[in-house]
Amino acid sequence: MCRRNRINYTMNNDSKLSDVSSEALASGPHIYTKSLLSAFDWKEFACGCGAAFINIGVTYPIYKMIFRQMLHGVPMTSAFGQLRHEGLAFLYRGIFPPMAQKTISLSIMFGVFDGSRRYLINNFNMNEYTVKIVAGISSGTVEAVLLPFERIQTLLAHSKYHEYFANTPRAFNYVLVHHGFLELYRGIVPVLWRNGPSNAIFFMLREEVSIFLPDTTSKATKAAQEFVAGAVIGASISTLFYPLNVIKVAMQSEMGHKQEGMWKICKRIYFERGNRIKYFYRGCGFNSFRSFLSWGIMNTAYENLKKVMS
């Protein structure tokens, strides 16, 4: 969003604020429900979904290598050796859960954020940054509903479960039949701590950076700006919240046992990996590269899909 569009968006919404608030007082609580529903734009959901689809197809093999480093605490060469030994047939094994989860997740991320922000601006006299924080946390919390996809993805990517699950439907069926619905939400606490704050930070930085980018008429230059902005912000946030992903993977790598708390798992990982915090970041360098590529692709795809739909 360029500086001019952002200023116009804010001015237009501010001008509507007093009218909407007066109407709400006169019409009762149902006006807020109507306003909330009308604030959401299907195009935001569609653009987020398309951007995620493009991204997952490119970056899934990189994710799988990072997953092995997270789980076993091994260097990149060992993780690569594991995947090479398993062969090409297993390289894209488990891609359906992240494809389904990410397309829906990014759709929610952009759609719910945009709709929540519009609703808050139109109905409440809130600071611009407070609106972004609340909208970001709201979208991240809604995203957590999709945790079962991450749960099954973890099981399918873990080598010790290869002989148990032939595919995604069988994995879902096995978990539900033998361990119940709540097993699919194992590890939800670190996910909530990750999703909400990371979304809020992403959207705040994304719009702040867009203000300072130079205007250009070149499509190639504009695409490069969008890629770099999304890549740098996404990689930075991913690195910041990386330890939460390590804890989540450790929690989700178990099945059927009583679920341990996040702090207990954190201490266990710390002791198992030589009492050094730096080992929480094992695989972080490669993860930062993947996030740089991933968020660059998603941000560029999102912006271009948005232009096409406009």
C-alpha atoms as a PDB file:
ATOM      1  CA  MET A   1       0.000   0.000   0.000  1.00  0.00           C
ATOM      2  CA  CYS A   2       1.663   3.261  -1.142  1.00  0.00           C
ATOM      3  CA  ARG A   3       1.752   6.468   0.935  1.00  0.00           C
ATOM      4  CA  ARG A   4      -1.049   8.173  -1.042  1.00  0.00           C
ATOM      5  CA  ASN A   5      -3.423   5.187  -0.914  1.00  0.00           C
ATOM      6  CA  ARG A   6      -2.770   4.675   2.775  1.00  0.00           C
ATOM      7  CA  ILE A   7      -3.532   8.345   3.585  1.00  0.00           C
ATOM      8  CA  ASN A   8      -6.703   8.285   1.471  1.00  0.00           C
ATOM      9  CA  TYR A   9      -7.807   5.007   3.098  1.00  0.00           C
ATOM     10  CA  THR A  10      -7.364   6.477   6.582  1.00  0.00           C
ATOM     11  CA  MET A  11      -9.072   9.796   5.712  1.00  0.00           C
ATOM     12  CA  ASN A  12     -12.041   8.070   4.075  1.00  0.00           C
ATOM     13  CA  ASN A  13     -12.534   5.734   7.014  1.00  0.00           C
ATOM     14  CA  ASP A  14     -12.137   8.534   9.560  1.00  0.00           C
ATOM     15  CA  SER A  15     -14.797  10.566   7.749  1.00  0.00           C
ATOM     16  CA  LYS A  16     -17.201   7.634   8.066  1.00  0.00           C
ATOM     17  CA  LEU A  17     -16.496   7.087  11.755  1.00  0.00           C
ATOM     18  CA  SER A  18     -18.896   9.642  13.218  1.00  0.00           C
ATOM     19  CA  ASP A  19     -21.709   8.644  10.834  1.00  0.00           C
ATOM     20  CA  VAL A  20     -21.347   4.920  11.571  1.00  0.00           C
ATOM     21  CA  SER A  21     -21.094   5.499  15.341  1.00  0.00           C
ATOM     22  CA  SER A  22     -24.239   7.667  15.332  1.00  0.00           C
ATOM     23  CA  GLU A  23     -26.081   5.053  13.300  1.00  0.00           C
ATOM     24  CA  ALA A  24     -24.935   2.345  15.727  1.00  0.00           C
ATOM     25  CA  LEU A  25     -26.288   4.266  18.729  1.00  0.00           C
ATOM     26  CA  ALA A  26     -29.605   4.811  17.006  1.00  0.00           C
ATOM     27  CA  SER A  27     -30.033   1.309  15.571  1.00  0.00           C
ATOM     28  CA  GLY A  28     -28.757  -0.866  18.411  1.00  0.00           C
ATOM     29  CA  PRO A  29     -26.204  -3.681  18.619  1.00  0.00           C
ATOM     30  CA  HIS A  30     -27.265  -5.353  15.349  1.00  0.00           C
ATOM     31  CA  ILE A  31     -25.627  -2.535  13.368  1.00  0.00           C
ATOM     32  CA  TYR A  32     -22.229  -3.701  14.641  1.00  0.00           C
ATOM     33  CA  THR A  33     -22.870  -7.231  13.381  1.00  0.00           C
ATOM     34  CA  LYS A  34     -23.933  -5.902  10.009  1.00  0.00           C
ATOM     35  CA  SER A  35     -20.894  -3.633   9.893  1.00  0.00           C
ATOM     36  CA  LEU A  36     -18.574  -6.519  10.804  1.00  0.00           C
ATOM     37  CA  LEU A  37     -19.885  -8.749   8.025  1.00  0.00           C
ATOM     38  CA  SER A  38     -19.741  -5.976   5.429  1.00  0.00           C
ATOM     39  CA  ALA A  39     -16.128  -5.166   6.389  1.00  0.00           C
ATOM     40  CA  PHE A  40     -14.773  -8.440   4.953  1.00  0.00           C
ATOM     41  CA  ASP A  41     -13.742  -8.513   1.291  1.00  0.00           C
ATOM     42  CA  TRP A  42     -13.618 -11.910  -0.477  1.00  0.00           C
ATOM     43  CA  LYS A  43     -10.805 -10.658  -2.724  1.00  0.00           C
ATOM     44  CA  GLU A  44      -8.457 -10.428   0.267  1.00  0.00           C
ATOM     45  CA  PHE A  45      -9.182 -14.063   1.127  1.00  0.00           C
ATOM     46  CA  ALA A  46      -8.715 -15.177  -2.503  1.00  0.00           C
ATOM     47  CA  CYS A  47      -5.396 -13.326  -2.921  1.00  0.00           C
ATOM     48  CA  GLY A  48      -4.012 -14.825   0.278  1.00  0.00           C
ATOM     49  CA  CYS A  49      -5.055 -18.319  -0.827  1.00  0.00           C
ATOM     50  CA  GLY A  50      -3.426 -17.986  -4.258  1.00  0.00           C
ATOM     51  CA  ALA A  51      -0.205 -16.590  -2.827  1.00  0.00           C
ATOM     52  CA  ALA A  52       0.126 -19.536  -0.429  1.00  0.00           C
ATOM     53  CA  PHE A  53      -0.488 -22.108  -3.182  1.00  0.00           C
ATOM     54  CA  ILE A  54       2.363 -20.712  -5.285  1.00  0.00           C
ATOM     55  CA  ASN A  55       4.684 -20.546  -2.304  1.00  0.00           C
ATOM     56  CA  ILE A  56       4.188 -24.088  -0.929  1.00  0.00           C
ATOM     57  CA  GLY A  57       4.880 -25.730  -4.276  1.00  0.00           C
ATOM     58  CA  VAL A  58       8.291 -24.061  -4.371  1.00  0.00           C
ATOM     59  CA  THR A  59       9.443 -24.268  -0.756  1.00  0.00           C
ATOM     60  CA  TYR A  60       8.121 -27.584   0.638  1.00  0.00           C
ATOM     61  CA  PRO A  61      11.379 -29.586   0.176  1.00  0.00           C
ATOM     62  CA  ILE A  62      13.254 -26.860   2.060  1.00  0.00           C
ATOM     63  CA  TYR A  63      10.721 -27.023   4.894  1.00  0.00           C
ATOM     64  CA  LYS A  64      11.186 -30.779   5.191  1.00  0.00           C
ATOM     65  CA  MET A  65      14.935 -30.403   5.648  1.00  0.00           C
ATOM     66  CA  ILE A  66      14.416 -27.759   8.332  1.00  0.00           C
ATOM     67  CA  PHE A  67      11.883 -30.017  10.080  1.00  0.00           C
ATOM     68  CA  ARG A  68      14.486 -32.770  10.405  1.00  0.00           C
ATOM     69  CA  GLN A  69      16.954 -30.291  11.922  1.00  0.00           C
ATOM     70  CA  MET A  70      14.334 -29.081  14.403  1.00  0.00           C
ATOM     71  CA  LEU A  71      13.356 -32.593  15.421  1.00  0.00           C
ATOM     72  CA  HIS A  72      16.766 -34.263  15.686  1.00  0.00           C
ATOM     73  CA  GLY A  73      19.028 -31.264  16.316  1.00  0.00           C
ATOM     74  CA  VAL A  74      21.319 -32.316  13.447  1.00  0.00           C
ATOM     75  CA  PRO A  75      23.271 -30.122  10.990  1.00  0.00           C
ATOM     76  CA  MET A  76      21.967 -29.402   7.490  1.00  0.00           C
ATOM     77  CA  THR A  77      24.205 -32.020   5.846  1.00  0.00           C
ATOM     78  CA  SER A  78      22.761 -34.798   8.032  1.00  0.00           C
ATOM     79  CA  ALA A  79      19.180 -33.674   7.333  1.00  0.00           C
ATOM     80  CA  PHE A  80      19.912 -33.593   3.602  1.00  0.00           C
ATOM     81  CA  GLY A  81      21.457 -37.070   3.852  1.00  0.00           C
ATOM     82  CA  GLN A  82      18.285 -38.409   5.516  1.00  0.00           C
ATOM     83  CA  LEU A  83      16.075 -37.081   2.720  1.00  0.00           C
ATOM     84  CA  ARG A  84      18.419 -38.332   0.005  1.00  0.00           C
ATOM     85  CA  HIS A  85      18.463 -41.789   1.583  1.00  0.00           C
ATOM     86  CA  GLU A  86      14.641 -41.884   1.696  1.00  0.00           C
ATOM     87  CA  GLY A  87      14.434 -40.971  -1.987  1.00  0.00           C
ATOM     88  CA  LEU A  88      12.307 -38.741  -4.219  1.00  0.00           C
ATOM     89  CA  ALA A  89       9.157 -40.748  -3.492  1.00  0.00           C
ATOM     90  CA  PHE A  90       9.145 -39.426   0.081  1.00  0.00           C
ATOM     91  CA  LEU A  91      10.317 -35.869  -0.706  1.00  0.00           C
ATOM     92  CA  TYR A  92       6.808 -34.462  -1.245  1.00  0.00           C
ATOM     93  CA  ARG A  93       5.203 -36.884   1.199  1.00  0.00           C
ATOM     94  CA  GLY A  94       2.951 -34.880   3.505  1.00  0.00           C
ATOM     95  CA  ILE A  95       2.580 -31.872   1.178  1.00  0.00           C
ATOM     96  CA  PHE A  96      -1.235 -31.937   1.259  1.00  0.00           C
ATOM     97  CA  PRO A  97      -1.590 -30.819   4.913  1.00  0.00           C
ATOM     98  CA  PRO A  98       0.685 -27.748   4.540  1.00  0.00           C
ATOM     99  CA  MET A  99      -0.860 -26.954   1.135  1.00  0.00           C
ATOM    100  CA  ALA A 100      -4.375 -27.102   2.585  1.00  0.00           C
ATOM    101  CA  GLN A 101      -3.344 -25.432   5.835  1.00  0.00           C
ATOM    102  CA  LYS A 102      -1.303 -22.637   4.235  1.00  0.00           C
ATOM    103  CA  THR A 103      -3.815 -21.741   1.522  1.00  0.00           C
ATOM    104  CA  ILE A 104      -6.587 -21.451   4.109  1.00  0.00           C
ATOM    105  CA  SER A 105      -4.253 -19.925   6.698  1.00  0.00           C
ATOM    106  CA  LEU A 106      -2.913 -17.147   4.474  1.00  0.00           C
ATOM    107  CA  SER A 107      -6.433 -16.529   3.218  1.00  0.00           C
ATOM    108  CA  ILE A 108      -7.514 -16.025   6.842  1.00  0.00           C
ATOM    109  CA  MET A 109      -4.409 -14.007   7.671  1.00  0.00           C
ATOM    110  CA  PHE A 110      -5.001 -11.370   4.987  1.00  0.00           C
ATOM    111  CA  GLY A 111      -8.807 -11.561   4.895  1.00  0.00           C
ATOM    112  CA  VAL A 112      -9.469 -11.447   8.638  1.00  0.00           C
ATOM    113  CA  PHE A 113      -6.806  -8.787   9.211  1.00  0.00           C
ATOM    114  CA  ASP A 114      -8.236  -6.512   6.518  1.00  0.00           C
ATOM    115  CA  GLY A 115     -11.841  -7.071   7.620  1.00  0.00           C
ATOM    116  CA  SER A 116     -11.046  -6.616  11.319  1.00  0.00           C
ATOM    117  CA  ARG A 117      -9.135  -3.433  10.636  1.00  0.00           C
ATOM    118  CA  ARG A 118     -11.950  -1.974   8.544  1.00  0.00           C
ATOM    119  CA  TYR A 119     -14.473  -2.846  11.245  1.00  0.00           C
ATOM    120  CA  LEU A 120     -12.402  -1.331  14.063  1.00  0.00           C
ATOM    121  CA  ILE A 121     -11.682   1.859  12.125  1.00  0.00           C
ATOM    122  CA  ASN A 122     -15.321   2.292  11.130  1.00  0.00           C
ATOM    123  CA  ASN A 123     -16.826   1.642  14.559  1.00  0.00           C
ATOM    124  CA  PHE A 124     -14.281   2.556  17.241  1.00  0.00           C
ATOM    125  CA  ASN A 125     -12.094   5.545  17.915  1.00  0.00           C
ATOM    126  CA  MET A 126      -8.847   3.589  18.154  1.00  0.00           C
ATOM    127  CA  ASN A 127      -5.226   4.467  17.453  1.00  0.00           C
ATOM    128  CA  GLU A 128      -3.984   3.272  14.051  1.00  0.00           C
ATOM    129  CA  TYR A 129      -1.318   1.021  15.572  1.00  0.00           C
ATOM    130  CA  THR A 130      -3.707  -0.380  18.172  1.00  0.00           C
ATOM    131  CA  VAL A 131      -6.061  -1.316  15.335  1.00  0.00           C
ATOM    132  CA  LYS A 132      -3.256  -3.173  13.528  1.00  0.00           C
ATOM    133  CA  ILE A 133      -2.225  -5.032  16.693  1.00  0.00           C
ATOM    134  CA  VAL A 134      -5.790  -6.113  17.512  1.00  0.00           C
ATOM    135  CA  ALA A 135      -6.525  -7.078  13.889  1.00  0.00           C
ATOM    136  CA  GLY A 136      -3.236  -8.994  13.618  1.00  0.00           C
ATOM    137  CA  ILE A 137      -3.797 -10.938  16.841  1.00  0.00           C
ATOM    138  CA  SER A 138      -7.390 -11.664  15.770  1.00  0.00           C
ATOM    139  CA  SER A 139      -6.284 -13.111  12.422  1.00  0.00           C
ATOM    140  CA  GLY A 140      -3.537 -15.163  14.102  1.00  0.00           C
ATOM    141  CA  THR A 141      -5.952 -16.583  16.663  1.00  0.00           C
ATOM    142  CA  VAL A 142      -8.440 -17.605  13.958  1.00  0.00           C
ATOM    143  CA  GLU A 143      -5.579 -19.266  12.060  1.00  0.00           C
ATOM    144  CA  ALA A 144      -4.946 -21.551  15.060  1.00  0.00           C
ATOM    145  CA  VAL A 145      -8.183 -23.387  14.187  1.00  0.00           C
ATOM    146  CA  LEU A 146      -6.156 -25.001  11.384  1.00  0.00           C
ATOM    147  CA  LEU A 147      -3.641 -26.582  13.770  1.00  0.00           C
ATOM    148  CA  PRO A 148      -4.750 -30.178  12.881  1.00  0.00           C
ATOM    149  CA  PHE A 149      -3.065 -29.713   9.487  1.00  0.00           C
ATOM    150  CA  GLU A 150       0.238 -28.828  11.168  1.00  0.00           C
ATOM    151  CA  ARG A 151      -0.245 -31.776  13.529  1.00  0.00           C
ATOM    152  CA  ILE A 152      -0.677 -34.294  10.694  1.00  0.00           C
ATOM    153  CA  GLN A 153       2.132 -32.684   8.714  1.00  0.00           C
ATOM    154  CA  THR A 154       4.477 -33.269  11.656  1.00  0.00           C
ATOM    155  CA  LEU A 155       3.492 -36.939  11.910  1.00  0.00           C
ATOM    156  CA  LEU A 156       3.898 -37.524   8.164  1.00  0.00           C
ATOM    157  CA  ALA A 157       7.281 -35.779   8.057  1.00  0.00           C
ATOM    158  CA  HIS A 158       8.619 -37.779  11.026  1.00  0.00           C
ATOM    159  CA  SER A 159      10.505 -40.873   9.833  1.00  0.00           C
ATOM    160  CA  LYS A 160       9.352 -43.051  12.763  1.00  0.00           C
ATOM    161  CA  TYR A 161       5.727 -42.815  11.569  1.00  0.00           C
ATOM    162  CA  HIS A 162       6.391 -43.717   7.906  1.00  0.00           C
ATOM    163  CA  GLU A 163       5.182 -47.300   8.379  1.00  0.00           C
ATOM    164  CA  TYR A 164       2.033 -46.231  10.230  1.00  0.00           C
ATOM    165  CA  PHE A 165       0.546 -43.676   7.830  1.00  0.00           C
ATOM    166  CA  ALA A 166       0.373 -44.163   4.076  1.00  0.00           C
ATOM    167  CA  ASN A 167      -1.230 -40.770   3.414  1.00  0.00           C
ATOM    168  CA  THR A 168      -2.967 -37.785   4.967  1.00  0.00           C
ATOM    169  CA  PRO A 169      -6.535 -39.218   5.202  1.00  0.00           C
ATOM    170  CA  ARG A 170      -5.253 -42.345   6.956  1.00  0.00           C
ATOM    171  CA  ALA A 171      -3.226 -40.253   9.386  1.00  0.00           C
ATOM    172  CA  PHE A 172      -6.286 -38.146  10.253  1.00  0.00           C
ATOM    173  CA  ASN A 173      -8.411 -41.261  10.637  1.00  0.00           C
ATOM    174  CA  TYR A 174      -5.854 -43.024  12.860  1.00  0.00           C
ATOM    175  CA  VAL A 175      -5.447 -40.057  15.194  1.00  0.00           C
ATOM    176  CA  LEU A 176      -9.197 -39.468  15.513  1.00  0.00           C
ATOM    177  CA  VAL A 177     -10.085 -43.143  16.059  1.00  0.00           C
ATOM    178  CA  HIS A 178      -7.286 -44.018  18.488  1.00  0.00           C
ATOM    179  CA  HIS A 179      -6.588 -40.749  20.302  1.00  0.00           C
ATOM    180  CA  GLY A 180      -9.556 -38.429  19.810  1.00  0.00           C
ATOM    181  CA  PHE A 181     -10.178 -34.955  18.441  1.00  0.00           C
ATOM    182  CA  LEU A 182      -8.088 -33.090  21.032  1.00  0.00           C
ATOM    183  CA  GLU A 183      -4.956 -34.948  19.909  1.00  0.00           C
ATOM    184  CA  LEU A 184      -5.123 -32.919  16.690  1.00  0.00           C
ATOM    185  CA  TYR A 185      -4.640 -29.751  18.771  1.00  0.00           C
ATOM    186  CA  ARG A 186      -1.517 -30.932  20.583  1.00  0.00           C
ATOM    187  CA  GLY A 187       0.899 -27.998  20.714  1.00  0.00           C
ATOM    188  CA  ILE A 188      -1.707 -25.232  20.426  1.00  0.00           C
ATOM    189  CA  VAL A 189      -0.160 -23.020  23.148  1.00  0.00           C
ATOM    190  CA  PRO A 190       3.114 -22.211  21.311  1.00  0.00           C
ATOM    191  CA  VAL A 191       1.093 -21.784  18.109  1.00  0.00           C
ATOM    192  CA  LEU A 192      -1.107 -19.106  19.720  1.00  0.00           C
ATOM    193  CA  TRP A 193       1.977 -17.335  21.089  1.00  0.00           C
ATOM    194  CA  ARG A 194       3.476 -17.458  17.596  1.00  0.00           C
ATOM    195  CA  ASN A 195       0.517 -16.596  15.347  1.00  0.00           C
ATOM    196  CA  GLY A 196      -1.007 -13.493  16.917  1.00  0.00           C
ATOM    197  CA  PRO A 197       2.126 -11.438  17.705  1.00  0.00           C
ATOM    198  CA  SER A 198       3.880 -12.425  14.448  1.00  0.00           C
ATOM    199  CA  ASN A 199       0.869 -11.363  12.346  1.00  0.00           C
ATOM    200  CA  ALA A 200       0.606  -8.033  14.158  1.00  0.00           C
ATOM    201  CA  ILE A 201       4.319  -7.328  13.657  1.00  0.00           C
ATOM    202  CA  PHE A 202       4.196  -8.383   9.990  1.00  0.00           C
ATOM    203  CA  PHE A 203       1.340  -6.079   9.017  1.00  0.00           C
ATOM    204  CA  MET A 204       2.712  -3.112  10.963  1.00  0.00           C
ATOM    205  CA  LEU A 205       6.170  -3.410   9.399  1.00  0.00           C
ATOM    206  CA  ARG A 206       4.789  -4.163   5.938  1.00  0.00           C
ATOM    207  CA  GLU A 207       2.807  -0.939   5.804  1.00  0.00           C
ATOM    208  CA  GLU A 208       5.539   1.150   7.431  1.00  0.00           C
ATOM    209  CA  VAL A 209       8.105  -0.082   4.894  1.00  0.00           C
ATOM    210  CA  SER A 210       5.749   0.662   1.983  1.00  0.00           C
ATOM    211  CA  ILE A 211       5.711   4.345   2.957  1.00  0.00           C
ATOM    212  CA  PHE A 212       9.438   4.685   2.412  1.00  0.00           C
ATOM    213  CA  LEU A 213       9.716   2.712  -0.832  1.00  0.00           C
ATOM    214  CA  PRO A 214      10.316   4.993  -3.832  1.00  0.00           C
ATOM    215  CA  ASP A 215       7.472   5.305  -6.341  1.00  0.00           C
ATOM    216  CA  THR A 216       8.152   3.599  -9.666  1.00  0.00           C
ATOM    217  CA  THR A 217       6.296   2.935 -12.913  1.00  0.00           C
ATOM    218  CA  SER A 218       8.392  -0.126 -13.739  1.00  0.00           C
ATOM    219  CA  LYS A 219       6.528  -3.379 -13.060  1.00  0.00           C
ATOM    220  CA  ALA A 220       9.788  -5.283 -12.606  1.00  0.00           C
ATOM    221  CA  THR A 221      11.125  -2.764 -10.087  1.00  0.00           C
ATOM    222  CA  LYS A 222       7.815  -2.739  -8.213  1.00  0.00           C
ATOM    223  CA  ALA A 223       7.792  -6.547  -8.052  1.00  0.00           C
ATOM    224  CA  ALA A 224      11.389  -6.524  -6.788  1.00  0.00           C
ATOM    225  CA  GLN A 225      10.450  -4.021  -4.061  1.00  0.00           C
ATOM    226  CA  GLU A 226       7.491  -6.169  -2.992  1.00  0.00           C
ATOM    227  CA  PHE A 227       9.654  -9.293  -2.931  1.00  0.00           C
ATOM    228  CA  VAL A 228      12.453  -7.757  -0.869  1.00  0.00           C
ATOM    229  CA  ALA A 229      10.058  -6.050   1.582  1.00  0.00           C
ATOM    230  CA  GLY A 230       8.094  -9.247   2.216  1.00  0.00           C
ATOM    231  CA  ALA A 231      11.238 -11.381   2.312  1.00  0.00           C
ATOM    232  CA  VAL A 232      13.157  -9.276   4.850  1.00  0.00           C
ATOM    233  CA  ILE A 233      10.160  -8.782   7.162  1.00  0.00           C
ATOM    234  CA  GLY A 234       9.089 -12.421   6.949  1.00  0.00           C
ATOM    235  CA  ALA A 235      12.592 -13.809   7.534  1.00  0.00           C
ATOM    236  CA  SER A 236      13.147 -11.494  10.522  1.00  0.00           C
ATOM    237  CA  ILE A 237       9.860 -12.463  12.188  1.00  0.00           C
ATOM    238  CA  SER A 238      10.413 -16.155  11.475  1.00  0.00           C
ATOM    239  CA  THR A 239      13.839 -15.984  13.123  1.00  0.00           C
ATOM    240  CA  LEU A 240      12.431 -14.152  16.143  1.00  0.00           C
ATOM    241  CA  PHE A 241       9.737 -16.793  16.743  1.00  0.00           C
ATOM    242  CA  TYR A 242      11.817 -19.824  15.691  1.00  0.00           C
ATOM    243  CA  PRO A 243      12.180 -21.302  19.231  1.00  0.00           C
ATOM    244  CA  LEU A 244       8.372 -21.518  19.478  1.00  0.00           C
ATOM    245  CA  ASN A 245       8.349 -23.681  16.353  1.00  0.00           C
ATOM    246  CA  VAL A 246      11.019 -25.934  17.870  1.00  0.00           C
ATOM    247  CA  ILE A 247       8.854 -26.385  20.976  1.00  0.00           C
ATOM    248  CA  LYS A 248       5.759 -27.010  18.838  1.00  0.00           C
ATOM    249  CA  VAL A 249       7.516 -29.697  16.769  1.00  0.00           C
ATOM    250  CA  ALA A 250       8.781 -31.400  19.947  1.00  0.00           C
ATOM    251  CA  MET A 251       5.249 -31.431  21.381  1.00  0.00           C
ATOM    252  CA  GLN A 252       3.667 -32.703  18.158  1.00  0.00           C
ATOM    253  CA  SER A 253       6.268 -35.415  17.503  1.00  0.00           C
ATOM    254  CA  GLU A 254       4.655 -37.465  20.293  1.00  0.00           C
ATOM    255  CA  MET A 255       1.323 -39.232  19.981  1.00  0.00           C
ATOM    256  CA  GLY A 256      -0.974 -40.815  22.536  1.00  0.00           C
ATOM    257  CA  HIS A 257       0.999 -39.784  25.620  1.00  0.00           C
ATOM    258  CA  LYS A 258      -0.228 -37.219  28.118  1.00  0.00           C
ATOM    259  CA  GLN A 259       0.566 -33.781  26.737  1.00  0.00           C
ATOM    260  CA  GLU A 260       3.322 -31.919  28.550  1.00  0.00           C
ATOM    261  CA  GLY A 261       3.230 -28.166  29.089  1.00  0.00           C
ATOM    262  CA  MET A 262       5.120 -25.763  26.861  1.00  0.00           C
ATOM    263  CA  TRP A 263       7.547 -24.692  29.602  1.00  0.00           C
ATOM    264  CA  LYS A 264       8.309 -28.307  30.558  1.00  0.00           C
ATOM    265  CA  ILE A 265       9.066 -29.156  26.927  1.00  0.00           C
ATOM    266  CA  CYS A 266      11.234 -26.046  26.668  1.00  0.00           C
ATOM    267  CA  LYS A 267      13.325 -27.122  29.667  1.00  0.00           C
ATOM    268  CA  ARG A 268      13.605 -30.675  28.335  1.00  0.00           C
ATOM    269  CA  ILE A 269      14.933 -29.477  24.980  1.00  0.00           C
ATOM    270  CA  TYR A 270      17.371 -27.182  26.768  1.00  0.00           C
ATOM    271  CA  PHE A 271      18.813 -30.044  28.856  1.00  0.00           C
ATOM    272  CA  GLU A 272      18.836 -32.560  25.984  1.00  0.00           C
ATOM    273  CA  ARG A 273      20.793 -30.170  23.771  1.00  0.00           C
ATOM    274  CA  GLY A 274      23.699 -29.451  26.089  1.00  0.00           C
ATOM    275  CA  ASN A 275      22.188 -26.678  28.239  1.00  0.00           C
ATOM    276  CA  ARG A 276      22.744 -24.116  25.499  1.00  0.00           C
ATOM    277  CA  ILE A 277      20.125 -21.722  24.195  1.00  0.00           C
ATOM    278  CA  LYS A 278      21.843 -21.516  20.816  1.00  0.00           C
ATOM    279  CA  TYR A 279      20.742 -25.094  20.075  1.00  0.00           C
ATOM    280  CA  PHE A 280      17.134 -23.875  20.032  1.00  0.00           C
ATOM    281  CA  TYR A 281      18.222 -22.170  16.828  1.00  0.00           C
ATOM    282  CA  ARG A 282      19.567 -25.333  15.179  1.00  0.00           C
ATOM    283  CA  GLY A 283      18.353 -25.064  11.591  1.00  0.00           C
ATOM    284  CA  CYS A 284      17.463 -21.387  12.004  1.00  0.00           C
ATOM    285  CA  GLY A 285      19.859 -20.237   9.280  1.00  0.00           C
ATOM    286  CA  PHE A 286      18.253 -22.473   6.685  1.00  0.00           C
ATOM    287  CA  ASN A 287      14.823 -21.558   8.036  1.00  0.00           C
ATOM    288  CA  SER A 288      15.617 -17.869   7.592  1.00  0.00           C
ATOM    289  CA  PHE A 289      16.587 -18.544   3.975  1.00  0.00           C
ATOM    290  CA  ARG A 290      13.349 -20.467   3.398  1.00  0.00           C
ATOM    291  CA  SER A 291      11.320 -17.699   5.079  1.00  0.00           C
ATOM    292  CA  PHE A 292      13.106 -15.058   3.007  1.00  0.00           C
ATOM    293  CA  LEU A 293      12.198 -16.906  -0.188  1.00  0.00           C
ATOM    294  CA  SER A 294       8.737 -17.902   1.039  1.00  0.00           C
ATOM    295  CA  TRP A 295       7.549 -14.499   2.253  1.00  0.00           C
ATOM    296  CA  GLY A 296       9.098 -12.784  -0.749  1.00  0.00           C
ATOM    297  CA  ILE A 297       7.107 -15.055  -3.064  1.00  0.00           C
ATOM    298  CA  MET A 298       3.902 -14.708  -1.033  1.00  0.00           C
ATOM    299  CA  ASN A 299       4.070 -10.922  -0.744  1.00  0.00           C
ATOM    300  CA  THR A 300       4.780 -10.485  -4.460  1.00  0.00           C
ATOM    301  CA  ALA A 301       2.103 -13.003  -5.464  1.00  0.00           C
ATOM    302  CA  TYR A 302      -0.439 -11.395  -3.114  1.00  0.00           C
ATOM    303  CA  GLU A 303       0.141  -7.887  -4.456  1.00  0.00           C
ATOM    304  CA  ASN A 304      -0.023  -9.002  -8.088  1.00  0.00           C
ATOM    305  CA  LEU A 305      -3.128 -11.137  -7.557  1.00  0.00           C
ATOM    306  CA  LYS A 306      -4.735  -8.145  -5.874  1.00  0.00           C
ATOM    307  CA  LYS A 307      -3.972  -5.986  -8.938  1.00  0.00           C
ATOM    308  CA  VAL A 308      -5.445  -8.614 -11.260  1.00  0.00           C
ATOM    309  CA  MET A 309      -8.644  -8.894  -9.222  1.00  0.00           C
ATOM    310  CA  SER A 310      -8.994  -5.124  -9.037  1.00  0.00           C
END
